[in-house]
C-alpha cells in the first residue's frame, strides 16, 4: 500500500519546544515545523519517486513495498541530511522515518514505518548506535514481531573517535552508515534474503571506520543558539555529529596535519594494511566548502598511496552532516570483490551522489 502525502505544514509532528528567544540566522518559519516542512519539500521535489506520510515522518519509495524483496529502512535524528531521508530510492533505502533535529524517531514512527514497508520477505532495520535510537527501534521491533513481521537488525558503529559518548553505549554510527545502506540496498534489489542482508550489513560495518573534526558548532532551529562554541583558533578532534565532545579540544593546525591525525586513527583501528583495496570518503559536516573537502581529500589520497592502499571508490561531499557545522569526517572501508560490485551497483535517490 502506498500512502500519498497529506500536506499539513503546520502539523505538530515534532515535540513542543520553548519559544525561540535568541536571534538566529536561518531559513526557518516555526522551529517546531522545521522537519515536517523539510520533508514536505523533499516529497514535492520528487513526486514520481517519493511519498511522505506526515503523521509519522515517513519518506518512502513510491514503488515500495515490493513483495519480491526485503524492505530496507532506517531513521535517526534529523539535521544530518542527506542522511537518511535523502538516501531513499532504488538501490538504497526503501523508507526512512526521522525524528526531530538530533532526536531519535519515536517508537511509533518506527513501528508504523515497519508495518508500511512489510513484505513476505521481511524488513531490515539499519540502526545507528545511539541510545535513543537503539531503544526506539528495539521497542518497535518487538511490537512488529508480535504481529508476525520478520525483522533483521544491523547496528552501525563506525566512529573510532571515542568508545562512549553522550548519546551512545559503545561507538557512534556516523558517515560509514552510507556504505551499509548502499551495499544492503543493492543486495536487496538482487533478491537476497533477510538473513543474508543482516550478515552483509554486519560485514560492511566490520570493515568501515570513521573519524571527524569540527571547526565550529551548529545551531538547532528549536534551540536558537549554538550547542557548543569554539574559539577562532580551536578545533574539536573526534567530534560527534550531534556536537558530542571528541577526543580533545586542540589548537587549529594546517589542514594536512588534521588529515594525518584522522587518517592514523582510522587506518590503525581495523587495521588496514598494504595491498588493501579501499573506499575513501571525505564527508562535509554541513558548512565546509567543497573546495576545502577536495583539499582534504588530496592529503588523504596521498596517505593511502604512501601506505600501499589502492583507492578504488572515492566519495567527496556531504553524506552525513550536522546542520551547518564546519567540519569534516574521514572514512575508510576495506573492500573485496563483492563489496566493490555492490557499491558500484546502480542507485537512484535525491542526493544523486551514488
C-alpha atoms as a PDB file:
ATOM      1  CA  UNK A   1       0.000   0.000   0.000  1.00  0.00           C
ATOM      2  CA  UNK A   2       1.285   3.467  -0.918  1.00  0.00           C
ATOM      3  CA  UNK A   3       0.165   6.433   1.149  1.00  0.00           C
ATOM      4  CA  UNK A   4       0.274   9.741  -0.681  1.00  0.00           C
ATOM      5  CA  UNK A   5       1.404  12.815   1.231  1.00  0.00           C
ATOM      6  CA  UNK A   6      -1.213  14.849   3.007  1.00  0.00           C
ATOM      7  CA  UNK A   7       0.180  18.354   3.305  1.00  0.00           C
ATOM      8  CA  UNK A   8      -0.256  19.821   6.762  1.00  0.00           C
ATOM      9  CA  UNK A   9       2.663  22.247   7.061  1.00  0.00           C
ATOM     10  CA  UNK A  10       1.587  23.399  10.496  1.00  0.00           C
ATOM     11  CA  UNK A  11       1.016  19.936  11.939  1.00  0.00           C
ATOM     12  CA  UNK A  12       2.915  19.495  15.248  1.00  0.00           C
ATOM     13  CA  UNK A  13       4.889  16.434  14.214  1.00  0.00           C
ATOM     14  CA  UNK A  14       7.846  17.329  16.429  1.00  0.00           C
ATOM     15  CA  UNK A  15       7.728  17.663  20.211  1.00  0.00           C
ATOM     16  CA  UNK A  16       6.868  21.119  21.505  1.00  0.00           C
ATOM     17  CA  UNK A  17       9.859  23.363  22.190  1.00  0.00           C
ATOM     18  CA  UNK A  18      10.059  26.608  24.174  1.00  0.00           C
ATOM     19  CA  UNK A  19       9.750  29.789  22.110  1.00  0.00           C
ATOM     20  CA  UNK A  20      12.911  30.983  20.416  1.00  0.00           C
ATOM     21  CA  UNK A  21      14.455  33.816  22.420  1.00  0.00           C
ATOM     22  CA  UNK A  22      17.893  34.157  20.805  1.00  0.00           C
ATOM     23  CA  UNK A  23      18.360  35.762  17.362  1.00  0.00           C
ATOM     24  CA  UNK A  24      19.224  33.116  14.797  1.00  0.00           C
ATOM     25  CA  UNK A  25      20.123  33.447  11.137  1.00  0.00           C
ATOM     26  CA  UNK A  26      18.423  30.518   9.464  1.00  0.00           C
ATOM     27  CA  UNK A  27      15.810  30.000   6.814  1.00  0.00           C
ATOM     28  CA  UNK A  28      13.097  28.851   9.186  1.00  0.00           C
ATOM     29  CA  UNK A  29       9.452  29.549   9.917  1.00  0.00           C
ATOM     30  CA  UNK A  30       8.203  27.853  13.081  1.00  0.00           C
ATOM     31  CA  UNK A  31      11.150  25.911  14.534  1.00  0.00           C
ATOM     32  CA  UNK A  32       8.783  23.135  15.613  1.00  0.00           C
ATOM     33  CA  UNK A  33       7.714  22.691  11.989  1.00  0.00           C
ATOM     34  CA  UNK A  34      11.273  22.618  10.613  1.00  0.00           C
ATOM     35  CA  UNK A  35      11.387  18.854   9.987  1.00  0.00           C
ATOM     36  CA  UNK A  36       7.882  18.389   8.524  1.00  0.00           C
ATOM     37  CA  UNK A  37       8.347  21.351   6.200  1.00  0.00           C
ATOM     38  CA  UNK A  38      11.676  19.926   5.038  1.00  0.00           C
ATOM     39  CA  UNK A  39      10.074  16.513   4.426  1.00  0.00           C
ATOM     40  CA  UNK A  40       7.181  18.067   2.561  1.00  0.00           C
ATOM     41  CA  UNK A  41       9.627  19.948   0.348  1.00  0.00           C
ATOM     42  CA  UNK A  42      11.546  16.730  -0.316  1.00  0.00           C
ATOM     43  CA  UNK A  43       8.345  14.940  -1.357  1.00  0.00           C
ATOM     44  CA  UNK A  44       7.211  17.833  -3.548  1.00  0.00           C
ATOM     45  CA  UNK A  45      10.606  17.911  -5.270  1.00  0.00           C
ATOM     46  CA  UNK A  46      10.453  14.170  -6.045  1.00  0.00           C
ATOM     47  CA  UNK A  47       6.760  13.429  -6.747  1.00  0.00           C
ATOM     48  CA  UNK A  48       7.419  10.471  -9.027  1.00  0.00           C
ATOM     49  CA  UNK A  49       9.729   8.603  -6.681  1.00  0.00           C
ATOM     50  CA  UNK A  50       8.928   9.569  -3.080  1.00  0.00           C
ATOM     51  CA  UNK A  51       5.873   9.666  -0.817  1.00  0.00           C
ATOM     52  CA  UNK A  52       5.549  11.446   2.519  1.00  0.00           C
ATOM     53  CA  UNK A  53       3.450  10.200   5.437  1.00  0.00           C
ATOM     54  CA  UNK A  54       3.299  13.311   7.659  1.00  0.00           C
ATOM     55  CA  UNK A  55       1.839  11.690  10.764  1.00  0.00           C
ATOM     56  CA  UNK A  56       4.919   9.507  11.216  1.00  0.00           C
ATOM     57  CA  UNK A  57       7.651  11.461   9.373  1.00  0.00           C
ATOM     58  CA  UNK A  58       7.911   8.641   6.822  1.00  0.00           C
ATOM     59  CA  UNK A  59       9.547   9.152   3.440  1.00  0.00           C
ATOM     60  CA  UNK A  60       9.245   6.053   1.258  1.00  0.00           C
ATOM     61  CA  UNK A  61       9.684   4.952  -2.315  1.00  0.00           C
ATOM     62  CA  UNK A  62       6.545   5.176  -4.447  1.00  0.00           C
ATOM     63  CA  UNK A  63       7.143   1.585  -5.570  1.00  0.00           C
ATOM     64  CA  UNK A  64       7.606   0.231  -2.028  1.00  0.00           C
ATOM     65  CA  UNK A  65       6.882  -2.141  -0.503  1.00  0.00           C
ATOM     66  CA  UNK A  66       7.765  -4.706  -3.122  1.00  0.00           C
ATOM     67  CA  UNK A  67       6.684  -8.256  -2.306  1.00  0.00           C
ATOM     68  CA  UNK A  68       9.685  -9.669  -4.175  1.00  0.00           C
ATOM     69  CA  UNK A  69      12.346  -8.085  -1.950  1.00  0.00           C
ATOM     70  CA  UNK A  70      13.278  -7.332   1.643  1.00  0.00           C
ATOM     71  CA  UNK A  71      12.500  -3.726   2.571  1.00  0.00           C
ATOM     72  CA  UNK A  72      15.482  -1.773   3.947  1.00  0.00           C
ATOM     73  CA  UNK A  73      14.614   1.080   6.328  1.00  0.00           C
ATOM     74  CA  UNK A  74      16.431   3.492   8.597  1.00  0.00           C
ATOM     75  CA  UNK A  75      15.800   6.617  10.627  1.00  0.00           C
ATOM     76  CA  UNK A  76      17.705   8.626  13.179  1.00  0.00           C
ATOM     77  CA  UNK A  77      17.637  12.263  14.174  1.00  0.00           C
ATOM     78  CA  UNK A  78      17.085  14.946  11.559  1.00  0.00           C
ATOM     79  CA  UNK A  79      19.794  17.517  10.944  1.00  0.00           C
ATOM     80  CA  UNK A  80      22.156  15.018   9.294  1.00  0.00           C
ATOM     81  CA  UNK A  81      20.834  15.375   5.774  1.00  0.00           C
ATOM     82  CA  UNK A  82      21.228  13.836   3.273  1.00  0.00           C
ATOM     83  CA  UNK A  83      21.149  11.043   5.861  1.00  0.00           C
ATOM     84  CA  UNK A  84      18.743   9.364   5.924  1.00  0.00           C
ATOM     85  CA  UNK A  85      15.645  10.625   4.149  1.00  0.00           C
ATOM     86  CA  UNK A  86      17.609  11.677   1.068  1.00  0.00           C
ATOM     87  CA  UNK A  87      19.034   8.169   0.696  1.00  0.00           C
ATOM     88  CA  UNK A  88      15.597   6.701  -0.076  1.00  0.00           C
ATOM     89  CA  UNK A  89      15.397   5.282  -3.570  1.00  0.00           C
ATOM     90  CA  UNK A  90      16.129   2.326  -5.820  1.00  0.00           C
ATOM     91  CA  UNK A  91      19.250   0.506  -4.700  1.00  0.00           C
ATOM     92  CA  UNK A  92      19.314   2.385  -1.386  1.00  0.00           C
ATOM     93  CA  UNK A  93      16.674   2.652   1.372  1.00  0.00           C
ATOM     94  CA  UNK A  94      13.040   1.776   0.813  1.00  0.00           C
ATOM     95  CA  UNK A  95      11.968   4.172   3.557  1.00  0.00           C
ATOM     96  CA  UNK A  96      13.210   6.411   6.363  1.00  0.00           C
ATOM     97  CA  UNK A  97      11.440   7.750   9.447  1.00  0.00           C
ATOM     98  CA  UNK A  98      13.497  10.516  11.086  1.00  0.00           C
ATOM     99  CA  UNK A  99      12.858  12.100  14.445  1.00  0.00           C
ATOM    100  CA  UNK A 100      13.280  15.765  15.302  1.00  0.00           C
ATOM    101  CA  UNK A 101      16.586  17.563  14.924  1.00  0.00           C
ATOM    102  CA  UNK A 102      19.207  15.461  16.744  1.00  0.00           C
ATOM    103  CA  UNK A 103      16.396  13.362  18.305  1.00  0.00           C
ATOM    104  CA  UNK A 104      15.667   9.669  17.762  1.00  0.00           C
ATOM    105  CA  UNK A 105      12.427   8.832  15.957  1.00  0.00           C
ATOM    106  CA  UNK A 106       9.625   7.938  18.372  1.00  0.00           C
ATOM    107  CA  UNK A 107       8.839   4.264  18.675  1.00  0.00           C
ATOM    108  CA  UNK A 108       5.521   4.653  16.841  1.00  0.00           C
ATOM    109  CA  UNK A 109       7.246   6.227  13.812  1.00  0.00           C
ATOM    110  CA  UNK A 110       9.498   3.195  13.502  1.00  0.00           C
ATOM    111  CA  UNK A 111       6.635   0.770  14.146  1.00  0.00           C
ATOM    112  CA  UNK A 112       4.382   2.363  11.519  1.00  0.00           C
ATOM    113  CA  UNK A 113       7.220   2.581   9.005  1.00  0.00           C
ATOM    114  CA  UNK A 114       7.997  -1.104   9.557  1.00  0.00           C
ATOM    115  CA  UNK A 115       4.353  -2.083   9.076  1.00  0.00           C
ATOM    116  CA  UNK A 116       4.011   0.067   5.959  1.00  0.00           C
ATOM    117  CA  UNK A 117       7.138  -1.458   4.390  1.00  0.00           C
ATOM    118  CA  UNK A 118       6.437  -5.049   5.450  1.00  0.00           C
ATOM    119  CA  UNK A 119       6.753  -7.697   2.747  1.00  0.00           C
ATOM    120  CA  UNK A 120       6.602 -11.511   2.807  1.00  0.00           C
ATOM    121  CA  UNK A 121      10.410 -11.444   2.728  1.00  0.00           C
ATOM    122  CA  UNK A 122      10.741  -9.232   5.798  1.00  0.00           C
ATOM    123  CA  UNK A 123      12.146  -5.836   6.802  1.00  0.00           C
ATOM    124  CA  UNK A 124      15.771  -4.895   7.533  1.00  0.00           C
ATOM    125  CA  UNK A 125      16.378  -2.272  10.236  1.00  0.00           C
ATOM    126  CA  UNK A 126      19.618  -0.308   9.922  1.00  0.00           C
ATOM    127  CA  UNK A 127      20.284   1.420  13.245  1.00  0.00           C
ATOM    128  CA  UNK A 128      22.961   3.948  14.172  1.00  0.00           C
ATOM    129  CA  UNK A 129      24.436   3.230  17.580  1.00  0.00           C
ATOM    130  CA  UNK A 130      22.854   5.886  19.797  1.00  0.00           C
ATOM    131  CA  UNK A 131      20.968   5.155  22.998  1.00  0.00           C
ATOM    132  CA  UNK A 132      17.727   6.787  21.902  1.00  0.00           C
ATOM    133  CA  UNK A 133      17.778   5.119  18.510  1.00  0.00           C
ATOM    134  CA  UNK A 134      18.523   1.687  19.958  1.00  0.00           C
ATOM    135  CA  UNK A 135      15.690   1.982  22.490  1.00  0.00           C
ATOM    136  CA  UNK A 136      13.053   3.188  19.997  1.00  0.00           C
ATOM    137  CA  UNK A 137      13.977   0.702  17.273  1.00  0.00           C
ATOM    138  CA  UNK A 138      14.121  -2.178  19.758  1.00  0.00           C
ATOM    139  CA  UNK A 139      10.645  -1.404  21.096  1.00  0.00           C
ATOM    140  CA  UNK A 140       9.245  -1.029  17.576  1.00  0.00           C
ATOM    141  CA  UNK A 141      10.814  -4.314  16.507  1.00  0.00           C
ATOM    142  CA  UNK A 142       9.265  -6.153  19.435  1.00  0.00           C
ATOM    143  CA  UNK A 143       5.841  -4.723  18.653  1.00  0.00           C
ATOM    144  CA  UNK A 144       6.101  -5.556  14.961  1.00  0.00           C
ATOM    145  CA  UNK A 145       7.415  -9.075  15.587  1.00  0.00           C
ATOM    146  CA  UNK A 146       4.458  -9.673  17.890  1.00  0.00           C
ATOM    147  CA  UNK A 147       2.309  -9.155  14.793  1.00  0.00           C
ATOM    148  CA  UNK A 148       4.294 -11.696  12.803  1.00  0.00           C
ATOM    149  CA  UNK A 149       6.584  -9.340  10.878  1.00  0.00           C
ATOM    150  CA  UNK A 150      10.052 -10.735  10.187  1.00  0.00           C
ATOM    151  CA  UNK A 151      12.767  -8.216  11.051  1.00  0.00           C
ATOM    152  CA  UNK A 152      16.538  -8.258  10.760  1.00  0.00           C
ATOM    153  CA  UNK A 153      18.758  -5.747  12.539  1.00  0.00           C
ATOM    154  CA  UNK A 154      22.182  -4.255  11.800  1.00  0.00           C
ATOM    155  CA  UNK A 155      23.817  -1.876  14.293  1.00  0.00           C
ATOM    156  CA  UNK A 156      26.234   0.642  12.755  1.00  0.00           C
ATOM    157  CA  UNK A 157      29.136   1.871  14.922  1.00  0.00           C
ATOM    158  CA  UNK A 158      31.958   3.010  12.652  1.00  0.00           C
ATOM    159  CA  UNK A 159      33.250   6.009  14.672  1.00  0.00           C
ATOM    160  CA  UNK A 160      36.725   5.365  16.115  1.00  0.00           C
ATOM    161  CA  UNK A 161      36.874   8.687  17.990  1.00  0.00           C
ATOM    162  CA  UNK A 162      35.593   7.539  21.376  1.00  0.00           C
ATOM    163  CA  UNK A 163      34.276   4.334  22.886  1.00  0.00           C
ATOM    164  CA  UNK A 164      31.337   6.007  24.629  1.00  0.00           C
ATOM    165  CA  UNK A 165      29.812   9.450  24.342  1.00  0.00           C
ATOM    166  CA  UNK A 166      26.828  11.500  25.446  1.00  0.00           C
ATOM    167  CA  UNK A 167      24.326   9.547  23.354  1.00  0.00           C
ATOM    168  CA  UNK A 168      25.916   6.140  22.925  1.00  0.00           C
ATOM    169  CA  UNK A 169      26.800   2.865  24.523  1.00  0.00           C
ATOM    170  CA  UNK A 170      29.868   1.912  22.535  1.00  0.00           C
ATOM    171  CA  UNK A 171      30.980   3.572  19.328  1.00  0.00           C
ATOM    172  CA  UNK A 172      28.798   6.000  17.397  1.00  0.00           C
ATOM    173  CA  UNK A 173      27.285   5.371  13.977  1.00  0.00           C
ATOM    174  CA  UNK A 174      28.320   8.142  11.595  1.00  0.00           C
ATOM    175  CA  UNK A 175      29.204   8.556   7.882  1.00  0.00           C
ATOM    176  CA  UNK A 176      30.196   4.913   7.411  1.00  0.00           C
ATOM    177  CA  UNK A 177      26.467   4.288   7.616  1.00  0.00           C
ATOM    178  CA  UNK A 178      26.204   5.085   3.905  1.00  0.00           C
ATOM    179  CA  UNK A 179      28.308   2.099   2.899  1.00  0.00           C
ATOM    180  CA  UNK A 180      25.955  -0.188   4.824  1.00  0.00           C
ATOM    181  CA  UNK A 181      22.941   1.436   3.139  1.00  0.00           C
ATOM    182  CA  UNK A 182      24.487   1.171  -0.317  1.00  0.00           C
ATOM    183  CA  UNK A 183      25.612  -2.446  -0.013  1.00  0.00           C
ATOM    184  CA  UNK A 184      22.402  -3.690   1.619  1.00  0.00           C
ATOM    185  CA  UNK A 185      20.224  -1.670  -0.744  1.00  0.00           C
ATOM    186  CA  UNK A 186      21.957  -3.128  -3.789  1.00  0.00           C
ATOM    187  CA  UNK A 187      21.841  -6.672  -2.399  1.00  0.00           C
ATOM    188  CA  UNK A 188      18.146  -6.323  -1.584  1.00  0.00           C
ATOM    189  CA  UNK A 189      17.468  -5.343  -5.203  1.00  0.00           C
ATOM    190  CA  UNK A 190      19.262  -8.536  -6.236  1.00  0.00           C
ATOM    191  CA  UNK A 191      16.848 -10.607  -4.147  1.00  0.00           C
ATOM    192  CA  UNK A 192      18.999 -11.527  -1.130  1.00  0.00           C
ATOM    193  CA  UNK A 193      17.008 -12.899   1.798  1.00  0.00           C
ATOM    194  CA  UNK A 194      16.782 -11.275   5.226  1.00  0.00           C
ATOM    195  CA  UNK A 195      19.473 -13.366   6.903  1.00  0.00           C
ATOM    196  CA  UNK A 196      21.874 -12.720   4.034  1.00  0.00           C
ATOM    197  CA  UNK A 197      21.295  -8.980   4.292  1.00  0.00           C
ATOM    198  CA  UNK A 198      21.915  -8.980   8.043  1.00  0.00           C
ATOM    199  CA  UNK A 199      25.187 -10.852   7.515  1.00  0.00           C
ATOM    200  CA  UNK A 200      26.188  -8.456   4.732  1.00  0.00           C
ATOM    201  CA  UNK A 201      25.395  -5.355   6.798  1.00  0.00           C
ATOM    202  CA  UNK A 202      27.406  -6.675   9.711  1.00  0.00           C
ATOM    203  CA  UNK A 203      30.301  -7.484   7.397  1.00  0.00           C
ATOM    204  CA  UNK A 204      30.311  -3.962   5.936  1.00  0.00           C
ATOM    205  CA  UNK A 205      30.128  -2.412   9.392  1.00  0.00           C
ATOM    206  CA  UNK A 206      33.079  -4.567  10.402  1.00  0.00           C
ATOM    207  CA  UNK A 207      35.384  -3.109   7.727  1.00  0.00           C
ATOM    208  CA  UNK A 208      34.446   0.590   7.810  1.00  0.00           C
ATOM    209  CA  UNK A 209      35.955   3.205  10.156  1.00  0.00           C
ATOM    210  CA  UNK A 210      35.371   6.966  10.552  1.00  0.00           C
ATOM    211  CA  UNK A 211      36.676   9.967  12.494  1.00  0.00           C
ATOM    212  CA  UNK A 212      35.582  13.618  12.413  1.00  0.00           C
ATOM    213  CA  UNK A 213      36.903  17.073  13.307  1.00  0.00           C
ATOM    214  CA  UNK A 214      34.855  20.255  13.823  1.00  0.00           C
ATOM    215  CA  UNK A 215      35.870  23.877  13.296  1.00  0.00           C
ATOM    216  CA  UNK A 216      32.573  25.332  14.581  1.00  0.00           C
ATOM    217  CA  UNK A 217      29.419  24.337  16.397  1.00  0.00           C
ATOM    218  CA  UNK A 218      25.933  24.319  14.897  1.00  0.00           C
ATOM    219  CA  UNK A 219      22.541  25.775  15.810  1.00  0.00           C
ATOM    220  CA  UNK A 220      19.449  23.539  16.068  1.00  0.00           C
ATOM    221  CA  UNK A 221      16.429  25.607  14.950  1.00  0.00           C
ATOM    222  CA  UNK A 222      14.457  24.966  18.141  1.00  0.00           C
ATOM    223  CA  UNK A 223      17.404  25.957  20.337  1.00  0.00           C
ATOM    224  CA  UNK A 224      18.222  29.183  18.559  1.00  0.00           C
ATOM    225  CA  UNK A 225      21.876  29.264  19.595  1.00  0.00           C
ATOM    226  CA  UNK A 226      24.938  27.084  19.025  1.00  0.00           C
ATOM    227  CA  UNK A 227      25.035  23.861  21.017  1.00  0.00           C
ATOM    228  CA  UNK A 228      28.744  24.482  21.614  1.00  0.00           C
ATOM    229  CA  UNK A 229      31.275  27.118  20.635  1.00  0.00           C
ATOM    230  CA  UNK A 230      34.940  27.037  19.667  1.00  0.00           C
ATOM    231  CA  UNK A 231      37.403  29.883  19.760  1.00  0.00           C
ATOM    232  CA  UNK A 232      38.721  31.117  16.431  1.00  0.00           C
ATOM    233  CA  UNK A 233      41.930  29.122  16.939  1.00  0.00           C
ATOM    234  CA  UNK A 234      40.302  25.915  18.292  1.00  0.00           C
ATOM    235  CA  UNK A 235      39.069  22.646  16.791  1.00  0.00           C
ATOM    236  CA  UNK A 236      37.248  19.668  18.320  1.00  0.00           C
ATOM    237  CA  UNK A 237      39.057  16.439  17.417  1.00  0.00           C
ATOM    238  CA  UNK A 238      36.805  13.391  17.236  1.00  0.00           C
ATOM    239  CA  UNK A 239      33.525  15.329  17.244  1.00  0.00           C
ATOM    240  CA  UNK A 240      30.170  13.540  17.206  1.00  0.00           C
ATOM    241  CA  UNK A 241      27.504  14.505  14.679  1.00  0.00           C
ATOM    242  CA  UNK A 242      25.278  15.882  17.454  1.00  0.00           C
ATOM    243  CA  UNK A 243      28.078  18.032  18.815  1.00  0.00           C
ATOM    244  CA  UNK A 244      29.214  15.441  21.350  1.00  0.00           C
ATOM    245  CA  UNK A 245      32.751  16.040  22.625  1.00  0.00           C
ATOM    246  CA  UNK A 246      35.542  14.208  20.887  1.00  0.00           C
ATOM    247  CA  UNK A 247      38.983  13.079  21.990  1.00  0.00           C
ATOM    248  CA  UNK A 248      40.127  16.578  22.835  1.00  0.00           C
ATOM    249  CA  UNK A 249      39.867  20.268  22.047  1.00  0.00           C
ATOM    250  CA  UNK A 250      43.019  21.481  20.319  1.00  0.00           C
ATOM    251  CA  UNK A 251      44.555  24.445  18.563  1.00  0.00           C
ATOM    252  CA  UNK A 252      43.939  24.859  14.836  1.00  0.00           C
ATOM    253  CA  UNK A 253      46.766  23.440  12.724  1.00  0.00           C
ATOM    254  CA  UNK A 254      47.274  23.196   8.939  1.00  0.00           C
ATOM    255  CA  UNK A 255      44.819  21.009   7.045  1.00  0.00           C
ATOM    256  CA  UNK A 256      47.360  18.290   6.268  1.00  0.00           C
ATOM    257  CA  UNK A 257      48.043  17.809   9.986  1.00  0.00           C
ATOM    258  CA  UNK A 258      44.330  17.394  10.659  1.00  0.00           C
ATOM    259  CA  UNK A 259      44.001  14.792   7.909  1.00  0.00           C
ATOM    260  CA  UNK A 260      47.067  12.950   9.193  1.00  0.00           C
ATOM    261  CA  UNK A 261      45.558  12.607  12.669  1.00  0.00           C
ATOM    262  CA  UNK A 262      42.199  11.395  11.374  1.00  0.00           C
ATOM    263  CA  UNK A 263      43.874   9.016   8.944  1.00  0.00           C
ATOM    264  CA  UNK A 264      46.124   7.487  11.598  1.00  0.00           C
ATOM    265  CA  UNK A 265      43.173   6.919  13.919  1.00  0.00           C
ATOM    266  CA  UNK A 266      41.043   5.330  11.191  1.00  0.00           C
ATOM    267  CA  UNK A 267      43.695   3.305   9.353  1.00  0.00           C
ATOM    268  CA  UNK A 268      45.181   1.933  12.560  1.00  0.00           C
ATOM    269  CA  UNK A 269      41.912   0.795  14.055  1.00  0.00           C
ATOM    270  CA  UNK A 270      40.936  -2.107  11.774  1.00  0.00           C
ATOM    271  CA  UNK A 271      43.847  -2.112  10.982  1.00  0.00           C
ATOM    272  CA  UNK A 272      44.221  -1.513   7.258  1.00  0.00           C
ATOM    273  CA  UNK A 273      47.276  -2.999   5.534  1.00  0.00           C
ATOM    274  CA  UNK A 274      49.450  -2.595   2.468  1.00  0.00           C
ATOM    275  CA  UNK A 275      47.720  -4.064  -0.562  1.00  0.00           C
ATOM    276  CA  UNK A 276      44.189  -3.330   0.655  1.00  0.00           C
ATOM    277  CA  UNK A 277      41.662  -2.081  -1.880  1.00  0.00           C
ATOM    278  CA  UNK A 278      39.671   0.656  -0.177  1.00  0.00           C
ATOM    279  CA  UNK A 279      36.893   3.193  -0.473  1.00  0.00           C
ATOM    280  CA  UNK A 280      37.791   6.666   0.795  1.00  0.00           C
ATOM    281  CA  UNK A 281      35.174   9.211   1.880  1.00  0.00           C
ATOM    282  CA  UNK A 282      35.723  12.837   2.825  1.00  0.00           C
ATOM    283  CA  UNK A 283      32.385  13.894   4.287  1.00  0.00           C
ATOM    284  CA  UNK A 284      31.464  17.510   4.962  1.00  0.00           C
ATOM    285  CA  UNK A 285      29.543  18.212   8.161  1.00  0.00           C
ATOM    286  CA  UNK A 286      27.320  20.868   6.592  1.00  0.00           C
ATOM    287  CA  UNK A 287      29.337  24.071   6.488  1.00  0.00           C
ATOM    288  CA  UNK A 288      32.578  23.129   4.751  1.00  0.00           C
ATOM    289  CA  UNK A 289      33.106  24.363   1.157  1.00  0.00           C
ATOM    290  CA  UNK A 290      33.594  21.674  -1.458  1.00  0.00           C
ATOM    291  CA  UNK A 291      36.969  23.242  -2.329  1.00  0.00           C
ATOM    292  CA  UNK A 292      38.179  22.519   1.200  1.00  0.00           C
ATOM    293  CA  UNK A 293      36.837  18.966   1.035  1.00  0.00           C
ATOM    294  CA  UNK A 294      38.895  18.281  -2.099  1.00  0.00           C
ATOM    295  CA  UNK A 295      41.934  19.852  -0.457  1.00  0.00           C
ATOM    296  CA  UNK A 296      41.453  17.410   2.423  1.00  0.00           C
ATOM    297  CA  UNK A 297      40.846  14.505   0.021  1.00  0.00           C
ATOM    298  CA  UNK A 298      44.162  15.276  -1.669  1.00  0.00           C
ATOM    299  CA  UNK A 299      46.110  14.581   1.508  1.00  0.00           C
ATOM    300  CA  UNK A 300      44.051  11.515   2.412  1.00  0.00           C
ATOM    301  CA  UNK A 301      44.554  10.029  -1.061  1.00  0.00           C
ATOM    302  CA  UNK A 302      48.316  10.647  -0.852  1.00  0.00           C
ATOM    303  CA  UNK A 303      48.427   8.936   2.535  1.00  0.00           C
ATOM    304  CA  UNK A 304      46.594   5.937   1.064  1.00  0.00           C
ATOM    305  CA  UNK A 305      49.149   5.797  -1.739  1.00  0.00           C
ATOM    306  CA  UNK A 306      52.041   6.030   0.718  1.00  0.00           C
ATOM    307  CA  UNK A 307      50.579   3.179   2.796  1.00  0.00           C
ATOM    308  CA  UNK A 308      50.073   0.968  -0.243  1.00  0.00           C
ATOM    309  CA  UNK A 309      46.257   1.151  -0.252  1.00  0.00           C
ATOM    310  CA  UNK A 310      44.530   1.234  -3.645  1.00  0.00           C
ATOM    311  CA  UNK A 311      41.587   3.662  -3.670  1.00  0.00           C
ATOM    312  CA  UNK A 312      39.005   2.072  -5.957  1.00  0.00           C
ATOM    313  CA  UNK A 313      35.945   4.040  -4.768  1.00  0.00           C
ATOM    314  CA  UNK A 314      36.051   7.664  -3.633  1.00  0.00           C
ATOM    315  CA  UNK A 315      33.392   9.939  -2.183  1.00  0.00           C
ATOM    316  CA  UNK A 316      33.796  13.681  -1.635  1.00  0.00           C
ATOM    317  CA  UNK A 317      30.787  15.687  -0.484  1.00  0.00           C
ATOM    318  CA  UNK A 318      28.097  15.730   2.186  1.00  0.00           C
ATOM    319  CA  UNK A 319      26.726  12.357   3.249  1.00  0.00           C
ATOM    320  CA  UNK A 320      26.085  12.712   6.990  1.00  0.00           C
ATOM    321  CA  UNK A 321      26.060  16.309   8.226  1.00  0.00           C
ATOM    322  CA  UNK A 322      25.497  18.158  11.474  1.00  0.00           C
ATOM    323  CA  UNK A 323      23.295  21.038  10.308  1.00  0.00           C
ATOM    324  CA  UNK A 324      25.683  23.883   9.353  1.00  0.00           C
ATOM    325  CA  UNK A 325      28.709  22.696  11.325  1.00  0.00           C
ATOM    326  CA  UNK A 326      32.022  23.499   9.655  1.00  0.00           C
ATOM    327  CA  UNK A 327      33.967  20.277   9.827  1.00  0.00           C
ATOM    328  CA  UNK A 328      34.829  17.015   8.133  1.00  0.00           C
ATOM    329  CA  UNK A 329      34.962  13.289   8.705  1.00  0.00           C
ATOM    330  CA  UNK A 330      37.255  10.760   7.048  1.00  0.00           C
ATOM    331  CA  UNK A 331      36.017   7.245   6.335  1.00  0.00           C
ATOM    332  CA  UNK A 332      37.902   4.232   5.026  1.00  0.00           C
ATOM    333  CA  UNK A 333      36.299   0.939   4.043  1.00  0.00           C
ATOM    334  CA  UNK A 334      38.254  -2.200   3.154  1.00  0.00           C
ATOM    335  CA  UNK A 335      36.792  -3.729   0.014  1.00  0.00           C
ATOM    336  CA  UNK A 336      36.587  -7.134  -1.570  1.00  0.00           C
ATOM    337  CA  UNK A 337      35.216  -8.076  -4.988  1.00  0.00           C
ATOM    338  CA  UNK A 338      31.633  -8.391  -3.750  1.00  0.00           C
ATOM    339  CA  UNK A 339      31.613  -5.081  -1.881  1.00  0.00           C
ATOM    340  CA  UNK A 340      33.167  -3.306  -4.869  1.00  0.00           C
ATOM    341  CA  UNK A 341      30.391  -4.636  -7.079  1.00  0.00           C
ATOM    342  CA  UNK A 342      27.621  -3.678  -4.647  1.00  0.00           C
ATOM    343  CA  UNK A 343      28.980  -0.164  -4.153  1.00  0.00           C
ATOM    344  CA  UNK A 344      29.139   0.261  -7.936  1.00  0.00           C
ATOM    345  CA  UNK A 345      25.587  -1.034  -8.496  1.00  0.00           C
ATOM    346  CA  UNK A 346      23.033   1.429  -9.922  1.00  0.00           C
ATOM    347  CA  UNK A 347      21.136   3.546  -7.401  1.00  0.00           C
ATOM    348  CA  UNK A 348      18.670   6.406  -7.583  1.00  0.00           C
ATOM    349  CA  UNK A 349      17.908   8.808  -4.735  1.00  0.00           C
ATOM    350  CA  UNK A 350      17.559  12.558  -4.185  1.00  0.00           C
ATOM    351  CA  UNK A 351      21.199  13.101  -3.145  1.00  0.00           C
ATOM    352  CA  UNK A 352      22.344  11.940  -6.610  1.00  0.00           C
ATOM    353  CA  UNK A 353      25.848  11.118  -5.471  1.00  0.00           C
ATOM    354  CA  UNK A 354      25.975   7.355  -5.918  1.00  0.00           C
END
